[in-house]
Amino acid sequence: MVELDDERLDAVFHALADSTRRTMLQLLAQGECSVGELGAPFRMSFAGASKHVKALERAGLVSRTVQGRAHVCRLEPAALASANAWLRYYEGFWNNHLDALEKELRREASRGK
């Protein structure tokens, strides 16, 4: 189970590492879009946009359905939630350590007065 979670998290961060895919996710946050609509702001071909969508699909961030000739994409927020949970854990870790550092620095500064 952990390996599957690690693989999914790796895929999510890989997908999010690309600014084109992040923009596509922003578009999908507003509602469903076709692959062509997702590629339009970048003036890319259907094949180029489809490659980006496939990376988002592998990460579980997007689902795609075929409606006639249109490939319609929908945001799947659960994968973002798992990435957010991972980041929040480390946010707490670093906040605790930085708070302890600040406390120690203040203590040393007050001794030096």
C-alpha atoms as a PDB file:
ATOM      1  CA  MET A   1       0.000   0.000   0.000  1.00  0.00           C
ATOM      2  CA  VAL A   2       2.798   2.440   0.837  1.00  0.00           C
ATOM      3  CA  GLU A   3       4.509   1.815  -2.510  1.00  0.00           C
ATOM      4  CA  LEU A   4       1.282   2.603  -4.355  1.00  0.00           C
ATOM      5  CA  ASP A   5       0.888   5.793  -2.317  1.00  0.00           C
ATOM      6  CA  ASP A   6       4.519   6.716  -3.043  1.00  0.00           C
ATOM      7  CA  GLU A   7       4.061   6.089  -6.767  1.00  0.00           C
ATOM      8  CA  ARG A   8       0.880   8.187  -6.841  1.00  0.00           C
ATOM      9  CA  LEU A   9       2.545  11.002  -4.899  1.00  0.00           C
ATOM     10  CA  ASP A  10       5.542  10.884  -7.257  1.00  0.00           C
ATOM     11  CA  ALA A  11       3.160  11.115 -10.224  1.00  0.00           C
ATOM     12  CA  VAL A  12       1.294  14.052  -8.659  1.00  0.00           C
ATOM     13  CA  PHE A  13       4.462  16.045  -8.012  1.00  0.00           C
ATOM     14  CA  HIS A  14       5.791  15.161 -11.479  1.00  0.00           C
ATOM     15  CA  ALA A  15       2.560  16.431 -13.015  1.00  0.00           C
ATOM     16  CA  LEU A  16       2.601  19.595 -10.913  1.00  0.00           C
ATOM     17  CA  ALA A  17       6.231  20.304 -11.822  1.00  0.00           C
ATOM     18  CA  ASP A  18       5.164  21.495 -15.269  1.00  0.00           C
ATOM     19  CA  SER A  19       3.629  24.983 -15.583  1.00  0.00           C
ATOM     20  CA  THR A  20       1.497  23.956 -18.577  1.00  0.00           C
ATOM     21  CA  ARG A  21      -0.124  21.183 -16.560  1.00  0.00           C
ATOM     22  CA  ARG A  22      -0.646  23.492 -13.571  1.00  0.00           C
ATOM     23  CA  THR A  23      -2.443  25.947 -15.866  1.00  0.00           C
ATOM     24  CA  MET A  24      -4.554  23.106 -17.255  1.00  0.00           C
ATOM     25  CA  LEU A  25      -5.569  22.210 -13.699  1.00  0.00           C
ATOM     26  CA  GLN A  26      -6.536  25.844 -13.078  1.00  0.00           C
ATOM     27  CA  LEU A  27      -8.749  25.739 -16.160  1.00  0.00           C
ATOM     28  CA  LEU A  28     -10.330  22.491 -15.002  1.00  0.00           C
ATOM     29  CA  ALA A  29     -11.017  23.991 -11.577  1.00  0.00           C
ATOM     30  CA  GLN A  30     -13.521  26.230 -13.399  1.00  0.00           C
ATOM     31  CA  GLY A  31     -15.275  23.255 -15.018  1.00  0.00           C
ATOM     32  CA  GLU A  32     -14.910  20.477 -17.558  1.00  0.00           C
ATOM     33  CA  CYS A  33     -12.851  21.189 -20.683  1.00  0.00           C
ATOM     34  CA  SER A  34     -12.030  19.315 -23.831  1.00  0.00           C
ATOM     35  CA  VAL A  35      -8.411  18.433 -24.538  1.00  0.00           C
ATOM     36  CA  GLY A  36      -8.491  20.994 -27.339  1.00  0.00           C
ATOM     37  CA  GLU A  37      -9.701  23.705 -24.948  1.00  0.00           C
ATOM     38  CA  LEU A  38      -6.923  22.823 -22.507  1.00  0.00           C
ATOM     39  CA  GLY A  39      -4.303  23.114 -25.244  1.00  0.00           C
ATOM     40  CA  ALA A  40      -5.702  26.307 -26.815  1.00  0.00           C
ATOM     41  CA  PRO A  41      -3.995  28.831 -24.472  1.00  0.00           C
ATOM     42  CA  PHE A  42      -0.654  27.268 -25.408  1.00  0.00           C
ATOM     43  CA  ARG A  43      -1.400  27.024 -29.139  1.00  0.00           C
ATOM     44  CA  MET A  44      -0.506  23.348 -29.026  1.00  0.00           C
ATOM     45  CA  SER A  45      -1.829  20.494 -31.066  1.00  0.00           C
ATOM     46  CA  PHE A  46      -4.359  17.986 -29.763  1.00  0.00           C
ATOM     47  CA  ALA A  47      -1.531  15.434 -29.522  1.00  0.00           C
ATOM     48  CA  GLY A  48       0.619  17.810 -27.471  1.00  0.00           C
ATOM     49  CA  ALA A  49      -2.229  18.694 -25.127  1.00  0.00           C
ATOM     50  CA  SER A  50      -3.151  15.022 -24.863  1.00  0.00           C
ATOM     51  CA  LYS A  51       0.360  14.159 -23.636  1.00  0.00           C
ATOM     52  CA  HIS A  52      -0.037  16.662 -20.812  1.00  0.00           C
ATOM     53  CA  VAL A  53      -3.494  15.319 -19.995  1.00  0.00           C
ATOM     54  CA  LYS A  54      -2.084  11.769 -19.870  1.00  0.00           C
ATOM     55  CA  ALA A  55       0.460  12.879 -17.245  1.00  0.00           C
ATOM     56  CA  LEU A  56      -2.372  14.430 -15.242  1.00  0.00           C
ATOM     57  CA  GLU A  57      -4.422  11.232 -15.634  1.00  0.00           C
ATOM     58  CA  ARG A  58      -1.522   9.032 -14.456  1.00  0.00           C
ATOM     59  CA  ALA A  59      -1.336  11.193 -11.349  1.00  0.00           C
ATOM     60  CA  GLY A  60      -5.059  10.802 -10.763  1.00  0.00           C
ATOM     61  CA  LEU A  61      -5.549  14.561 -11.061  1.00  0.00           C
ATOM     62  CA  VAL A  62      -7.786  14.374 -14.130  1.00  0.00           C
ATOM     63  CA  SER A  63     -10.288  11.946 -15.598  1.00  0.00           C
ATOM     64  CA  ARG A  64     -11.153  11.895 -19.275  1.00  0.00           C
ATOM     65  CA  THR A  65     -14.291  10.698 -21.004  1.00  0.00           C
ATOM     66  CA  VAL A  66     -14.894  10.456 -24.716  1.00  0.00           C
ATOM     67  CA  GLN A  67     -18.131  12.047 -25.873  1.00  0.00           C
ATOM     68  CA  GLY A  68     -18.342  11.473 -29.606  1.00  0.00           C
ATOM     69  CA  ARG A  69     -15.169  13.023 -30.993  1.00  0.00           C
ATOM     70  CA  ALA A  70     -14.565  15.195 -27.946  1.00  0.00           C
ATOM     71  CA  HIS A  71     -12.266  14.108 -25.129  1.00  0.00           C
ATOM     72  CA  VAL A  72     -13.705  15.852 -22.060  1.00  0.00           C
ATOM     73  CA  CYS A  73     -11.560  16.251 -18.949  1.00  0.00           C
ATOM     74  CA  ARG A  74     -12.628  16.740 -15.345  1.00  0.00           C
ATOM     75  CA  LEU A  75     -10.560  17.682 -12.297  1.00  0.00           C
ATOM     76  CA  GLU A  76     -10.207  14.904  -9.701  1.00  0.00           C
ATOM     77  CA  PRO A  77      -9.270  16.717  -6.479  1.00  0.00           C
ATOM     78  CA  ALA A  78      -8.567  13.640  -4.309  1.00  0.00           C
ATOM     79  CA  ALA A  79      -5.001  13.331  -5.619  1.00  0.00           C
ATOM     80  CA  LEU A  80      -4.357  16.976  -4.766  1.00  0.00           C
ATOM     81  CA  ALA A  81      -5.692  16.331  -1.271  1.00  0.00           C
ATOM     82  CA  SER A  82      -3.150  13.551  -0.708  1.00  0.00           C
ATOM     83  CA  ALA A  83      -0.306  15.799  -1.903  1.00  0.00           C
ATOM     84  CA  ASN A  84      -1.593  18.571   0.341  1.00  0.00           C
ATOM     85  CA  ALA A  85      -1.635  16.190   3.322  1.00  0.00           C
ATOM     86  CA  TRP A  86       1.983  15.238   2.628  1.00  0.00           C
ATOM     87  CA  LEU A  87       3.001  18.912   2.418  1.00  0.00           C
ATOM     88  CA  ARG A  88       1.079  19.818   5.582  1.00  0.00           C
ATOM     89  CA  TYR A  89       2.963  17.181   7.561  1.00  0.00           C
ATOM     90  CA  TYR A  90       6.265  18.807   6.603  1.00  0.00           C
ATOM     91  CA  GLU A  91       4.859  22.273   7.158  1.00  0.00           C
ATOM     92  CA  GLY A  92       4.199  21.281  10.767  1.00  0.00           C
ATOM     93  CA  PHE A  93       7.628  19.686  11.063  1.00  0.00           C
ATOM     94  CA  TRP A  94       9.415  22.817   9.845  1.00  0.00           C
ATOM     95  CA  ASN A  95       7.215  25.187  11.825  1.00  0.00           C
ATOM     96  CA  ASN A  96       8.051  23.307  15.041  1.00  0.00           C
ATOM     97  CA  HIS A  97      11.776  23.357  14.278  1.00  0.00           C
ATOM     98  CA  LEU A  98      11.801  26.994  13.243  1.00  0.00           C
ATOM     99  CA  ASP A  99       9.819  27.971  16.353  1.00  0.00           C
ATOM    100  CA  ALA A 100      12.397  26.165  18.517  1.00  0.00           C
ATOM    101  CA  LEU A 101      15.224  27.935  16.664  1.00  0.00           C
ATOM    102  CA  GLU A 102      13.545  31.314  17.143  1.00  0.00           C
ATOM    103  CA  LYS A 103      13.117  30.608  20.863  1.00  0.00           C
ATOM    104  CA  GLU A 104      16.802  29.679  21.202  1.00  0.00           C
ATOM    105  CA  LEU A 105      17.953  32.756  19.277  1.00  0.00           C
ATOM    106  CA  ARG A 106      15.816  35.022  21.445  1.00  0.00           C
ATOM    107  CA  ARG A 107      17.209  33.378  24.580  1.00  0.00           C
ATOM    108  CA  GLU A 108      20.797  33.900  23.391  1.00  0.00           C
ATOM    109  CA  ALA A 109      20.028  37.508  22.389  1.00  0.00           C
ATOM    110  CA  SER A 110      18.613  38.254  25.830  1.00  0.00           C
ATOM    111  CA  ARG A 111      21.767  36.792  27.486  1.00  0.00           C
ATOM    112  CA  GLY A 112      23.955  39.075  25.397  1.00  0.00           C
ATOM    113  CA  LYS A 113      22.283  42.268  26.631  1.00  0.00           C
END
